[in-house]
Amino acid sequence: MAGRWGAVTALGAAQFVMVLDSTVMNVSISQVVSDLDTTIAVMQSAITFYTLTMAAFMLLGAKLGERWGRRRALVIGSIIYSIGSATTALSVNAAMLVIGWSVVEGLGAVLVIPAIAGLIADNYSGHARVTAFSIIGAASGVAVAVGPLVGGFVTTYASWRYVFAAEVVVMAVVLIFNRVIRHSGEPLPTRIDVLSVILSALALFLIVYGLLQTKTWGWILPTTDTQLLGLSPVPFIVAAGAVLLWVFLRRQGILRRSGRTPFLNTDMLTIRHLRAGVGSIGLQYTVTAGLFFIVPVYLQFTLGLNAVNTGIRLFPLSVALVLFSIIGTALARRLSPKRIARIGQLLLVLASLVLLFSIDPELQNGVFATGMFLAGAALGLLASQLGNVTMSAVDRSELSEAGGVQGVFQNLGSSLGTAILGSIMIAALGSLFLGGVAASALPHDVQTEVTQRTESGVPIVAVSEVPRIAKAAGLSDEQGRQLTDLYQDAQLQALRLSFAVLTLISISALAFSRNLPSTVAAQEDAPAGRTGPSRDSAPAA
């Protein structure tokens, strides 16, 4: 028995680490900022670039897995990931953190994640395969549920560094036991078009980086001296990324017509059900990443909560996500994937509205906890269906590539969630705070002093720190109290605006679910032909 389940145990451990990683960083934000003497804006960039690295290179990771063999990709990826985790644990500044966590760990993950699913299929069949995939799903669920609590506990009572050091140990165990993992078939002589890799990675980077900088440069009209033709550089950077993405797609057609292997089979993107699935997945992860960024920032920098108490406030979302993933799987026996996904998306809109109207200075009311639970329930229902919808929309021969596309949308959604919602929160804080100062009864010279000191942006700091900062700037105690009240109110309003945008994103997701299928074909025992729905010639479900 131990030998039979040794493979899924090792792969489940790797999956657990992959999911645990980002949840730990989110609840540890304030401590990391303090330890590395950095800012929230830098941490937002680090979190964004971690998922962006995976989005930009996930397809490459899947292709390398085919070329090297999945077990070799798992081993190489685990080594790279361990190096990144060790670098992160030993970070002495923000630059070292970004290199170790955002870049090196991300590059390791793009090899490990695609290999896990393929190796499960290699090692198990029939009912055992279903059980093995359930174990992998359970590993992800446990990581989501306990990640904020474990990360918060270790960060509060020891150091966030120990979590990343522990990841090195776990991945070392995976490497030691990799021999129990069987890999079938010979590595495929896959040809990788380097120009396509560069074009896709650069396109995604420019789009996400442009959106990330909206907090500093503004969306359209410039908010700093950094300008281009009298406008913010953001629309030009995003447009450049969009053009490169178009060039990337055109190149795939050129490669196919010339008889060469395209980096991405763009015909796959004409499958209506697949587009609906990955679009819904992207928005689902946008909401998830946005929540896991803006809520911890408010809890830690406005309310001054430590990491463990932040994890406790996030726990309703985490436990509901796991619980309703299981419930959604059970419901699939009676309801169509489309019906379950629509219920999840409507529930997500409701959760966003509940969170929006639950906001108060302490966030201790039961309404906020209810909103977080509803959000987790919605995301759990979506998670139970969307992955299967995507993978069932393609031929068995296209499963690996479809998995790569799904990974791109997952991580791109996460990047955009952190970038957009984080930037809205930070930018709104600055404009609301300075607007409040200008409209306040503070003396004109004090208003001028505050404006001058925040020309490069209003940093996110704990509200309890504002009186000290005011005193160091030469303000009286009464002026410090007024400034503290203005800053706290600005943070509260910025959070409210972020939740309003979250609600709009949740509503927009409804557009994608219209084309989700009412039934999903089984892949396991299907012949090697098309098992999913046809391309755009098929009617919408």
Protein backbone atom coordinates (compact mmCIF):
# COMPACT_ATOMS: atom_id res chain seq x y z
CA MET A 1 0.00 0.00 0.00
CA ALA A 2 2.83 2.39 0.91
CA GLY A 3 4.50 1.76 -2.40
CA ARG A 4 1.29 2.22 -4.34
CA TRP A 5 0.49 5.58 -2.78
CA GLY A 6 4.06 6.81 -2.43
CA ALA A 7 3.87 8.75 -5.71
CA VAL A 8 0.75 10.71 -4.81
CA THR A 9 2.15 11.38 -1.33
CA ALA A 10 5.27 13.00 -2.78
CA LEU A 11 3.29 14.89 -5.42
CA GLY A 12 0.72 15.98 -2.83
CA ALA A 13 3.52 17.40 -0.67
CA ALA A 14 4.79 19.40 -3.64
CA GLN A 15 1.27 20.63 -4.41
CA PHE A 16 0.80 21.66 -0.77
CA VAL A 17 3.93 23.82 -0.88
CA MET A 18 2.94 25.45 -4.18
CA VAL A 19 -0.41 26.58 -2.75
CA LEU A 20 0.82 27.40 0.77
CA ASP A 21 3.51 29.76 -0.47
CA SER A 22 1.44 32.76 -1.57
CA THR A 23 -1.04 32.58 1.34
CA VAL A 24 1.84 32.84 3.80
CA MET A 25 3.29 35.93 2.14
CA ASN A 26 -0.05 37.73 2.19
CA VAL A 27 -0.60 37.36 5.95
CA SER A 28 3.06 38.22 6.65
CA ILE A 29 3.09 41.51 4.75
CA SER A 30 3.57 43.88 7.68
CA GLN A 31 6.35 41.80 9.22
CA VAL A 32 8.18 41.47 5.90
CA VAL A 33 7.87 45.22 5.34
CA SER A 34 9.36 45.85 8.78
CA ASP A 35 12.15 43.25 8.53
CA LEU A 36 13.31 44.33 5.08
CA ASP A 37 12.71 48.07 5.63
CA THR A 38 10.53 48.30 2.55
CA THR A 39 7.01 49.48 1.65
CA ILE A 40 3.58 48.08 0.86
CA ALA A 41 3.97 49.19 -2.77
CA VAL A 42 7.13 47.07 -3.09
CA MET A 43 5.40 44.07 -1.51
CA GLN A 44 2.49 44.53 -3.90
CA SER A 45 4.99 44.37 -6.76
CA ALA A 46 6.65 41.26 -5.32
CA ILE A 47 3.33 39.41 -4.96
CA THR A 48 2.25 40.52 -8.43
CA PHE A 49 5.50 39.48 -10.10
CA TYR A 50 5.42 36.05 -8.40
CA THR A 51 2.19 35.10 -10.14
CA LEU A 52 3.19 37.03 -13.28
CA THR A 53 6.35 34.93 -13.60
CA MET A 54 4.19 31.82 -13.52
CA ALA A 55 1.68 33.28 -15.99
CA ALA A 56 4.42 34.31 -18.42
CA PHE A 57 6.27 30.98 -18.37
CA MET A 58 3.62 28.36 -17.54
CA LEU A 59 3.28 27.30 -21.19
CA LEU A 60 7.07 27.04 -21.44
CA GLY A 61 7.13 24.90 -18.30
CA ALA A 62 4.56 22.51 -19.78
CA LYS A 63 6.52 22.30 -23.06
CA LEU A 64 9.78 21.59 -21.21
CA GLY A 65 7.99 18.86 -19.26
CA GLU A 66 7.09 17.19 -22.55
CA ARG A 67 10.61 17.63 -23.88
CA TRP A 68 12.52 16.47 -20.78
CA GLY A 69 9.97 14.04 -19.39
CA ARG A 70 7.62 14.95 -16.54
CA ARG A 71 9.66 13.41 -13.70
CA ARG A 72 12.82 15.17 -14.80
CA ALA A 73 10.86 18.43 -15.01
CA LEU A 74 9.58 17.81 -11.47
CA VAL A 75 13.12 17.23 -10.20
CA ILE A 76 14.62 20.26 -11.95
CA GLY A 77 11.69 22.44 -10.92
CA SER A 78 11.92 21.28 -7.30
CA ILE A 79 15.63 22.14 -7.19
CA ILE A 80 15.01 25.61 -8.66
CA TYR A 81 12.08 26.17 -6.30
CA SER A 82 14.19 25.13 -3.29
CA ILE A 83 16.93 27.58 -4.28
CA GLY A 84 14.32 30.32 -4.52
CA SER A 85 12.81 29.41 -1.13
CA ALA A 86 16.23 29.41 0.52
CA THR A 87 17.03 32.79 -1.04
CA THR A 88 13.71 34.15 0.21
CA ALA A 89 14.33 32.86 3.73
CA LEU A 90 17.75 34.53 3.79
CA SER A 91 16.65 37.81 2.18
CA VAL A 92 18.33 40.91 3.57
CA ASN A 93 16.43 43.41 1.41
CA ALA A 94 13.45 43.67 -0.91
CA ALA A 95 15.53 43.11 -4.05
CA MET A 96 16.76 39.76 -2.75
CA LEU A 97 13.18 38.83 -1.86
CA VAL A 98 11.92 39.66 -5.35
CA ILE A 99 14.71 37.64 -6.97
CA GLY A 100 14.30 34.63 -4.69
CA TRP A 101 10.52 34.53 -4.34
CA SER A 102 9.00 36.35 -7.32
CA VAL A 103 11.45 35.13 -9.95
CA VAL A 104 13.34 31.96 -8.93
CA GLU A 105 10.48 30.31 -7.04
CA GLY A 106 8.10 31.26 -9.83
CA LEU A 107 10.34 29.66 -12.45
CA GLY A 108 10.57 26.49 -10.39
CA ALA A 109 6.81 26.38 -9.97
CA VAL A 110 6.15 26.49 -13.73
CA LEU A 111 8.00 23.19 -14.05
CA VAL A 112 6.53 21.52 -10.96
CA ILE A 113 2.84 22.42 -11.35
CA PRO A 114 2.26 21.03 -14.89
CA ALA A 115 4.31 17.92 -14.03
CA ILE A 116 2.12 17.03 -11.02
CA ALA A 117 -1.07 16.49 -13.02
CA GLY A 118 0.72 14.55 -15.75
CA LEU A 119 2.53 12.30 -13.28
CA ILE A 120 -0.72 11.47 -11.49
CA ALA A 121 -2.09 10.28 -14.84
CA ASP A 122 1.12 8.28 -15.44
CA ASN A 123 1.02 6.54 -12.06
CA TYR A 124 -2.68 5.76 -11.59
CA SER A 125 -5.65 4.60 -13.62
CA GLY A 126 -9.32 3.91 -13.08
CA HIS A 127 -10.68 4.57 -9.61
CA ALA A 128 -7.15 4.94 -8.20
CA ARG A 129 -6.60 7.91 -10.50
CA VAL A 130 -9.77 9.56 -9.25
CA THR A 131 -8.59 8.99 -5.66
CA ALA A 132 -5.13 10.35 -6.46
CA PHE A 133 -6.51 13.53 -8.01
CA SER A 134 -8.77 13.90 -4.97
CA ILE A 135 -5.69 13.71 -2.73
CA ILE A 136 -3.99 16.42 -4.79
CA GLY A 137 -7.12 18.54 -4.52
CA ALA A 138 -7.24 17.91 -0.77
CA ALA A 139 -3.60 18.98 -0.45
CA SER A 140 -4.47 22.26 -2.16
CA GLY A 141 -7.55 22.69 0.01
CA VAL A 142 -5.67 22.07 3.25
CA ALA A 143 -2.98 24.55 2.17
CA VAL A 144 -5.61 27.21 1.44
CA ALA A 145 -7.37 26.57 4.76
CA VAL A 146 -4.39 26.34 7.09
CA GLY A 147 -1.96 28.54 5.15
CA PRO A 148 -3.09 31.86 6.66
CA LEU A 149 -3.24 30.33 10.17
CA VAL A 150 0.08 28.49 10.00
CA GLY A 151 1.79 31.40 8.26
CA GLY A 152 0.30 33.84 10.74
CA PHE A 153 1.29 31.74 13.77
CA VAL A 154 4.88 31.18 12.62
CA THR A 155 5.28 34.83 11.57
CA THR A 156 3.89 36.17 14.85
CA TYR A 157 5.72 33.87 17.26
CA ALA A 158 8.90 33.18 15.27
CA SER A 159 9.57 34.58 11.78
CA TRP A 160 8.11 34.37 8.29
CA ARG A 161 11.55 33.15 7.20
CA TYR A 162 10.98 29.77 8.86
CA VAL A 163 8.06 29.03 6.55
CA PHE A 164 10.25 29.38 3.48
CA ALA A 165 13.03 27.39 5.15
CA ALA A 166 10.48 24.63 5.80
CA GLU A 167 9.55 24.68 2.12
CA VAL A 168 13.16 23.81 1.29
CA VAL A 169 12.92 20.78 3.59
CA VAL A 170 9.64 19.59 2.06
CA MET A 171 10.94 19.94 -1.50
CA ALA A 172 14.11 18.08 -0.47
CA VAL A 173 11.89 15.20 0.70
CA VAL A 174 10.08 15.28 -2.65
CA LEU A 175 13.45 15.00 -4.40
CA ILE A 176 14.55 12.10 -2.19
CA PHE A 177 11.39 10.12 -2.95
CA ASN A 178 11.09 11.04 -6.63
CA ARG A 179 12.13 7.51 -7.58
CA VAL A 180 8.81 6.13 -6.36
CA ILE A 181 7.12 8.24 -9.02
CA ARG A 182 6.77 6.34 -12.29
CA HIS A 183 6.87 8.20 -15.57
CA SER A 184 5.59 6.59 -18.74
CA GLY A 185 6.58 7.25 -22.30
CA GLU A 186 9.64 8.80 -23.83
CA PRO A 187 10.30 12.56 -23.76
CA LEU A 188 8.84 14.18 -26.85
CA PRO A 189 11.18 16.02 -29.26
CA THR A 190 9.18 19.21 -28.74
CA ARG A 191 10.44 22.24 -30.66
CA ILE A 192 10.13 25.49 -28.70
CA ASP A 193 9.97 28.77 -30.58
CA VAL A 194 12.11 31.14 -28.52
CA LEU A 195 10.70 34.27 -30.14
CA SER A 196 7.18 33.21 -29.11
CA VAL A 197 8.35 32.73 -25.52
CA ILE A 198 9.87 36.22 -25.49
CA LEU A 199 6.83 37.85 -27.12
CA SER A 200 4.29 36.26 -24.76
CA ALA A 201 6.33 36.93 -21.61
CA LEU A 202 7.07 40.54 -22.56
CA ALA A 203 3.44 41.19 -23.55
CA LEU A 204 2.08 39.97 -20.21
CA PHE A 205 4.79 41.83 -18.30
CA LEU A 206 4.00 45.15 -19.97
CA ILE A 207 0.25 44.81 -19.45
CA VAL A 208 0.54 43.89 -15.76
CA TYR A 209 3.36 46.37 -15.07
CA GLY A 210 1.37 49.18 -16.63
CA LEU A 211 -1.66 48.40 -14.45
CA LEU A 212 0.59 48.04 -11.40
CA GLN A 213 1.91 51.58 -11.92
CA THR A 214 -1.54 53.21 -12.01
CA LYS A 215 -1.18 53.93 -8.30
CA THR A 216 1.80 56.17 -9.06
CA TRP A 217 1.30 57.49 -12.59
CA GLY A 218 -2.51 57.55 -12.84
CA TRP A 219 -4.73 55.71 -15.32
CA ILE A 220 -5.01 58.30 -18.11
CA LEU A 221 -4.18 61.75 -16.76
CA PRO A 222 -0.74 61.98 -15.14
CA THR A 223 -0.49 62.31 -11.37
CA THR A 224 3.30 62.83 -11.35
CA ASP A 225 5.92 64.45 -13.55
CA THR A 226 6.35 61.12 -15.36
CA GLN A 227 4.37 61.78 -18.53
CA LEU A 228 4.22 60.82 -22.19
CA LEU A 229 2.57 63.23 -24.63
CA GLY A 230 0.92 64.91 -21.68
CA LEU A 231 -0.67 61.66 -20.47
CA SER A 232 0.16 58.97 -17.96
CA PRO A 233 2.56 56.34 -19.38
CA VAL A 234 0.11 53.60 -18.31
CA PRO A 235 -2.11 53.47 -21.44
CA PHE A 236 0.98 53.47 -23.69
CA ILE A 237 2.63 50.60 -21.77
CA VAL A 238 -0.56 48.54 -21.71
CA ALA A 239 -1.12 49.24 -25.42
CA ALA A 240 2.44 48.14 -26.20
CA GLY A 241 1.77 44.90 -24.33
CA ALA A 242 -1.47 44.37 -26.26
CA VAL A 243 0.36 44.90 -29.57
CA LEU A 244 3.02 42.35 -28.61
CA LEU A 245 0.29 39.90 -27.64
CA TRP A 246 -1.28 40.38 -31.08
CA VAL A 247 2.13 39.81 -32.71
CA PHE A 248 2.52 36.63 -30.63
CA LEU A 249 -0.82 35.28 -31.85
CA ARG A 250 0.01 36.19 -35.47
CA ARG A 251 3.34 34.37 -35.16
CA GLN A 252 1.59 31.18 -34.11
CA GLY A 253 -0.36 31.26 -37.37
CA ILE A 254 2.83 31.88 -39.37
CA LEU A 255 4.56 28.93 -37.68
CA ARG A 256 1.62 26.61 -38.36
CA ARG A 257 1.31 27.63 -42.02
CA SER A 258 5.04 27.10 -42.54
CA GLY A 259 4.84 23.57 -41.16
CA ARG A 260 6.60 24.35 -37.89
CA THR A 261 5.21 23.63 -34.43
CA PRO A 262 3.56 26.70 -32.89
CA PHE A 263 4.30 27.52 -29.25
CA LEU A 264 0.53 27.66 -28.65
CA ASN A 265 -2.16 25.98 -30.70
CA THR A 266 -4.36 29.04 -31.16
CA ASP A 267 -7.15 26.88 -32.64
CA MET A 268 -7.77 25.84 -29.05
CA LEU A 269 -8.83 29.39 -28.23
CA THR A 270 -11.71 29.09 -30.71
CA ILE A 271 -13.39 26.50 -28.46
CA ARG A 272 -16.29 28.36 -26.89
CA HIS A 273 -16.45 26.23 -23.76
CA LEU A 274 -12.72 26.51 -23.17
CA ARG A 275 -12.81 30.30 -23.56
CA ALA A 276 -15.69 30.49 -21.11
CA GLY A 277 -13.85 28.23 -18.68
CA VAL A 278 -10.49 30.00 -18.67
CA GLY A 279 -12.14 33.44 -18.71
CA SER A 280 -14.16 32.50 -15.63
CA ILE A 281 -11.04 31.07 -14.00
CA GLY A 282 -9.10 34.27 -14.66
CA LEU A 283 -11.75 36.44 -13.02
CA GLN A 284 -12.14 33.97 -10.15
CA TYR A 285 -8.42 34.28 -9.37
CA THR A 286 -8.56 38.05 -9.84
CA VAL A 287 -11.12 38.25 -7.04
CA THR A 288 -9.26 35.75 -4.84
CA ALA A 289 -5.89 37.50 -5.14
CA GLY A 290 -7.48 40.92 -4.67
CA LEU A 291 -9.19 39.82 -1.46
CA PHE A 292 -6.04 38.17 -0.13
CA PHE A 293 -4.13 41.44 -0.67
CA ILE A 294 -6.42 44.31 0.31
CA VAL A 295 -7.94 42.68 3.41
CA PRO A 296 -4.59 41.76 5.10
CA VAL A 297 -3.19 45.21 4.27
CA TYR A 298 -6.16 46.89 5.98
CA LEU A 299 -6.14 44.53 8.94
CA GLN A 300 -2.42 44.93 9.57
CA PHE A 301 -1.76 48.55 8.64
CA THR A 302 -5.01 50.19 9.71
CA LEU A 303 -6.07 48.03 12.62
CA GLY A 304 -2.54 46.99 13.60
CA LEU A 305 -3.37 43.27 13.80
CA ASN A 306 -0.53 40.77 13.83
CA ALA A 307 -0.18 37.96 11.31
CA VAL A 308 -1.96 35.30 13.37
CA ASN A 309 -5.02 37.51 13.98
CA THR A 310 -5.03 38.37 10.28
CA GLY A 311 -5.07 34.66 9.49
CA ILE A 312 -8.03 34.20 11.85
CA ARG A 313 -9.99 36.95 10.06
CA LEU A 314 -9.28 35.23 6.71
CA PHE A 315 -10.21 31.79 8.03
CA PRO A 316 -13.96 31.98 7.15
CA LEU A 317 -13.05 32.47 3.48
CA SER A 318 -10.43 29.71 3.51
CA VAL A 319 -12.57 27.06 5.22
CA ALA A 320 -15.63 27.88 3.08
CA LEU A 321 -13.55 27.56 -0.09
CA VAL A 322 -12.46 24.05 0.86
CA LEU A 323 -15.92 23.01 2.11
CA PHE A 324 -17.80 24.22 -0.95
CA SER A 325 -15.25 22.71 -3.33
CA ILE A 326 -16.36 19.37 -1.88
CA ILE A 327 -20.04 20.34 -1.97
CA GLY A 328 -19.72 21.51 -5.58
CA THR A 329 -18.22 18.16 -6.59
CA ALA A 330 -21.16 16.36 -4.96
CA LEU A 331 -23.69 18.70 -6.59
CA ALA A 332 -22.24 17.88 -10.01
CA ARG A 333 -24.12 14.58 -9.88
CA ARG A 334 -27.43 16.46 -10.00
CA LEU A 335 -26.68 19.88 -11.50
CA SER A 336 -24.85 20.90 -14.66
CA PRO A 337 -21.42 22.59 -14.45
CA LYS A 338 -23.00 25.71 -15.92
CA ARG A 339 -25.68 25.82 -13.22
CA ILE A 340 -23.17 25.31 -10.38
CA ALA A 341 -20.80 27.93 -11.81
CA ARG A 342 -23.64 30.44 -12.22
CA ILE A 343 -24.70 29.85 -8.61
CA GLY A 344 -21.07 30.41 -7.57
CA GLN A 345 -20.78 33.63 -9.56
CA LEU A 346 -24.08 35.01 -8.25
CA LEU A 347 -22.98 34.10 -4.74
CA LEU A 348 -19.70 35.95 -5.38
CA VAL A 349 -21.61 39.10 -6.38
CA LEU A 350 -23.67 38.78 -3.18
CA ALA A 351 -20.52 38.27 -1.11
CA SER A 352 -18.91 41.37 -2.65
CA LEU A 353 -21.97 43.46 -1.80
CA VAL A 354 -22.06 42.10 1.76
CA LEU A 355 -18.37 42.95 2.20
CA LEU A 356 -18.91 46.41 0.73
CA PHE A 357 -21.67 47.23 3.22
CA SER A 358 -19.94 45.53 6.17
CA ILE A 359 -17.03 47.95 6.31
CA ASP A 360 -16.50 49.68 9.62
CA PRO A 361 -13.30 50.90 11.35
CA GLU A 362 -12.67 47.60 13.19
CA LEU A 363 -14.13 44.99 10.80
CA GLN A 364 -15.23 42.99 13.82
CA ASN A 365 -18.89 42.67 12.91
CA GLY A 366 -20.47 39.37 11.96
CA VAL A 367 -21.49 40.79 8.61
CA PHE A 368 -17.85 40.99 7.51
CA ALA A 369 -17.21 37.39 8.58
CA THR A 370 -20.38 36.36 6.73
CA GLY A 371 -19.20 38.15 3.60
CA MET A 372 -15.83 36.40 3.76
CA PHE A 373 -17.56 33.02 4.23
CA LEU A 374 -19.88 33.68 1.27
CA ALA A 375 -16.89 34.69 -0.87
CA GLY A 376 -15.12 31.45 0.04
CA ALA A 377 -18.28 29.44 -0.70
CA ALA A 378 -18.60 31.08 -4.13
CA LEU A 379 -14.95 30.52 -5.00
CA GLY A 380 -15.19 26.91 -3.82
CA LEU A 381 -18.17 26.19 -6.08
CA LEU A 382 -16.33 27.73 -9.03
CA ALA A 383 -13.14 25.80 -8.26
CA SER A 384 -15.10 22.53 -8.21
CA GLN A 385 -16.25 22.97 -11.84
CA LEU A 386 -14.13 25.29 -13.92
CA GLY A 387 -10.96 23.21 -14.14
CA ASN A 388 -12.87 20.14 -15.32
CA VAL A 389 -14.83 22.24 -17.83
CA THR A 390 -11.59 23.52 -19.35
CA MET A 391 -9.87 20.17 -19.56
CA SER A 392 -12.98 18.43 -20.93
CA ALA A 393 -13.27 20.92 -23.79
CA VAL A 394 -10.26 19.53 -25.68
CA ASP A 395 -8.93 16.31 -27.17
CA ARG A 396 -6.87 14.02 -24.97
CA SER A 397 -3.88 14.96 -27.14
CA GLU A 398 -4.40 18.61 -26.16
CA LEU A 399 -4.75 18.09 -22.39
CA SER A 400 -1.21 19.19 -21.56
CA GLU A 401 -1.51 22.39 -23.59
CA ALA A 402 -4.98 23.12 -22.20
CA GLY A 403 -3.58 22.71 -18.70
CA GLY A 404 -0.89 25.23 -19.56
CA VAL A 405 -3.46 27.72 -20.87
CA GLN A 406 -5.50 27.24 -17.70
CA GLY A 407 -2.38 27.89 -15.59
CA VAL A 408 -1.69 31.08 -17.54
CA PHE A 409 -5.18 32.42 -16.86
CA GLN A 410 -5.05 31.42 -13.19
CA ASN A 411 -1.81 33.24 -12.55
CA LEU A 412 -2.56 36.16 -14.85
CA GLY A 413 -5.81 36.63 -12.96
CA SER A 414 -3.91 36.57 -9.67
CA SER A 415 -1.41 39.12 -10.98
CA LEU A 416 -4.16 41.44 -12.19
CA GLY A 417 -6.09 41.08 -8.93
CA THR A 418 -3.12 42.16 -6.82
CA ALA A 419 -2.03 44.82 -9.33
CA ILE A 420 -5.42 46.44 -10.01
CA LEU A 421 -7.11 46.22 -6.61
CA GLY A 422 -3.88 46.98 -4.75
CA SER A 423 -3.17 50.00 -6.94
CA ILE A 424 -6.74 51.27 -6.56
CA MET A 425 -6.45 50.98 -2.79
CA ILE A 426 -3.07 52.74 -2.63
CA ALA A 427 -4.00 55.49 -5.11
CA ALA A 428 -7.37 56.09 -3.44
CA LEU A 429 -5.69 56.39 -0.06
CA GLY A 430 -3.45 59.15 -1.36
CA SER A 431 -6.14 61.19 -3.09
CA LEU A 432 -8.67 60.78 -0.26
CA PHE A 433 -6.15 61.66 2.43
CA LEU A 434 -4.83 64.76 0.66
CA GLY A 435 -8.39 65.80 -0.17
CA GLY A 436 -9.32 65.43 3.48
CA VAL A 437 -6.31 67.48 4.57
CA ALA A 438 -7.18 70.25 2.10
CA ALA A 439 -10.78 70.40 3.38
CA SER A 440 -9.81 70.21 7.06
CA ALA A 441 -9.42 72.94 9.66
CA LEU A 442 -5.66 72.35 9.83
CA PRO A 443 -3.60 75.55 9.39
CA HIS A 444 -2.54 76.34 5.84
CA ASP A 445 1.16 75.89 6.63
CA VAL A 446 0.44 72.40 8.02
CA GLN A 447 -1.55 71.50 4.91
CA THR A 448 1.32 72.68 2.74
CA GLU A 449 3.82 70.66 4.79
CA VAL A 450 1.74 67.48 4.48
CA THR A 451 1.30 67.98 0.72
CA GLN A 452 5.03 68.50 0.19
CA ARG A 453 5.97 65.44 2.24
CA THR A 454 3.59 63.23 0.23
CA GLU A 455 4.44 64.48 -3.27
CA SER A 456 5.72 61.01 -4.23
CA GLY A 457 2.64 59.29 -2.80
CA VAL A 458 0.99 58.62 0.54
CA PRO A 459 2.59 55.53 2.09
CA ILE A 460 0.48 52.93 3.84
CA VAL A 461 1.45 52.91 7.51
CA ALA A 462 -0.28 51.73 10.66
CA VAL A 463 -2.73 54.33 11.94
CA SER A 464 -1.05 54.10 15.33
CA GLU A 465 2.15 55.39 13.71
CA VAL A 466 0.60 58.62 12.38
CA PRO A 467 0.83 60.61 15.69
CA ARG A 468 4.54 59.77 15.94
CA ILE A 469 5.15 60.80 12.32
CA ALA A 470 3.20 64.02 12.88
CA LYS A 471 5.19 64.82 16.01
CA ALA A 472 8.48 64.18 14.21
CA ALA A 473 7.33 66.65 11.54
CA GLY A 474 6.84 69.33 14.19
CA LEU A 475 3.04 69.20 14.48
CA SER A 476 1.23 69.67 17.77
CA ASP A 477 -0.55 66.81 19.53
CA GLU A 478 -3.95 68.18 18.46
CA GLN A 479 -2.84 68.49 14.85
CA GLY A 480 -1.46 64.94 15.04
CA ARG A 481 -4.84 63.67 16.25
CA GLN A 482 -6.63 65.47 13.41
CA LEU A 483 -4.20 64.03 10.90
CA THR A 484 -4.68 60.53 12.37
CA ASP A 485 -8.47 60.80 12.02
CA LEU A 486 -8.13 61.97 8.41
CA TYR A 487 -5.72 59.16 7.57
CA GLN A 488 -7.90 56.48 9.18
CA ASP A 489 -10.98 57.73 7.35
CA ALA A 490 -9.04 57.75 4.04
CA GLN A 491 -7.95 54.14 4.58
CA LEU A 492 -11.52 53.10 5.33
CA GLN A 493 -12.86 54.82 2.20
CA ALA A 494 -10.05 53.33 0.09
CA LEU A 495 -11.03 49.85 1.28
CA ARG A 496 -14.67 50.58 0.48
CA LEU A 497 -13.73 51.68 -3.05
CA SER A 498 -11.65 48.51 -3.51
CA PHE A 499 -14.63 46.36 -2.54
CA ALA A 500 -16.82 48.30 -4.97
CA VAL A 501 -14.40 47.47 -7.80
CA LEU A 502 -14.36 43.86 -6.58
CA THR A 503 -18.15 43.82 -6.94
CA LEU A 504 -17.91 45.06 -10.54
CA ILE A 505 -15.36 42.34 -11.38
CA SER A 506 -17.66 39.73 -9.84
CA ILE A 507 -20.58 40.98 -11.95
CA SER A 508 -18.46 40.93 -15.12
CA ALA A 509 -17.70 37.24 -14.57
CA LEU A 510 -21.35 36.45 -15.30
CA ALA A 511 -20.73 37.24 -18.97
CA PHE A 512 -18.31 34.30 -19.32
CA SER A 513 -20.50 31.69 -17.65
CA ARG A 514 -23.17 32.04 -20.37
CA ASN A 515 -21.05 29.80 -22.60
CA LEU A 516 -20.15 27.16 -20.03
CA PRO A 517 -21.40 23.70 -21.01
CA SER A 518 -24.46 22.06 -19.50
CA THR A 519 -22.70 18.68 -19.62
CA VAL A 520 -19.06 17.62 -19.48
CA ALA A 521 -17.71 14.60 -21.34
CA ALA A 522 -15.52 12.17 -19.41
CA GLN A 523 -11.90 12.08 -20.57
CA GLU A 524 -10.50 9.06 -18.81
CA ASP A 525 -11.54 6.25 -21.06
CA ALA A 526 -12.38 8.22 -24.16
CA PRO A 527 -10.59 7.40 -27.38
CA ALA A 528 -7.87 9.65 -28.59
CA GLY A 529 -10.23 11.77 -30.60
CA ARG A 530 -12.29 14.77 -29.67
CA THR A 531 -14.20 14.25 -26.43
CA GLY A 532 -15.16 17.80 -25.67
CA PRO A 533 -17.37 20.23 -27.55
CA SER A 534 -16.54 21.49 -30.99
CA ARG A 535 -15.11 24.86 -31.86
CA ASP A 536 -17.17 27.99 -32.40
CA SER A 537 -19.42 26.17 -34.81
CA ALA A 538 -21.07 24.52 -31.81
CA PRO A 539 -24.09 26.21 -30.32
CA ALA A 540 -23.72 27.88 -26.98
CA ALA A 541 -24.87 25.85 -24.04
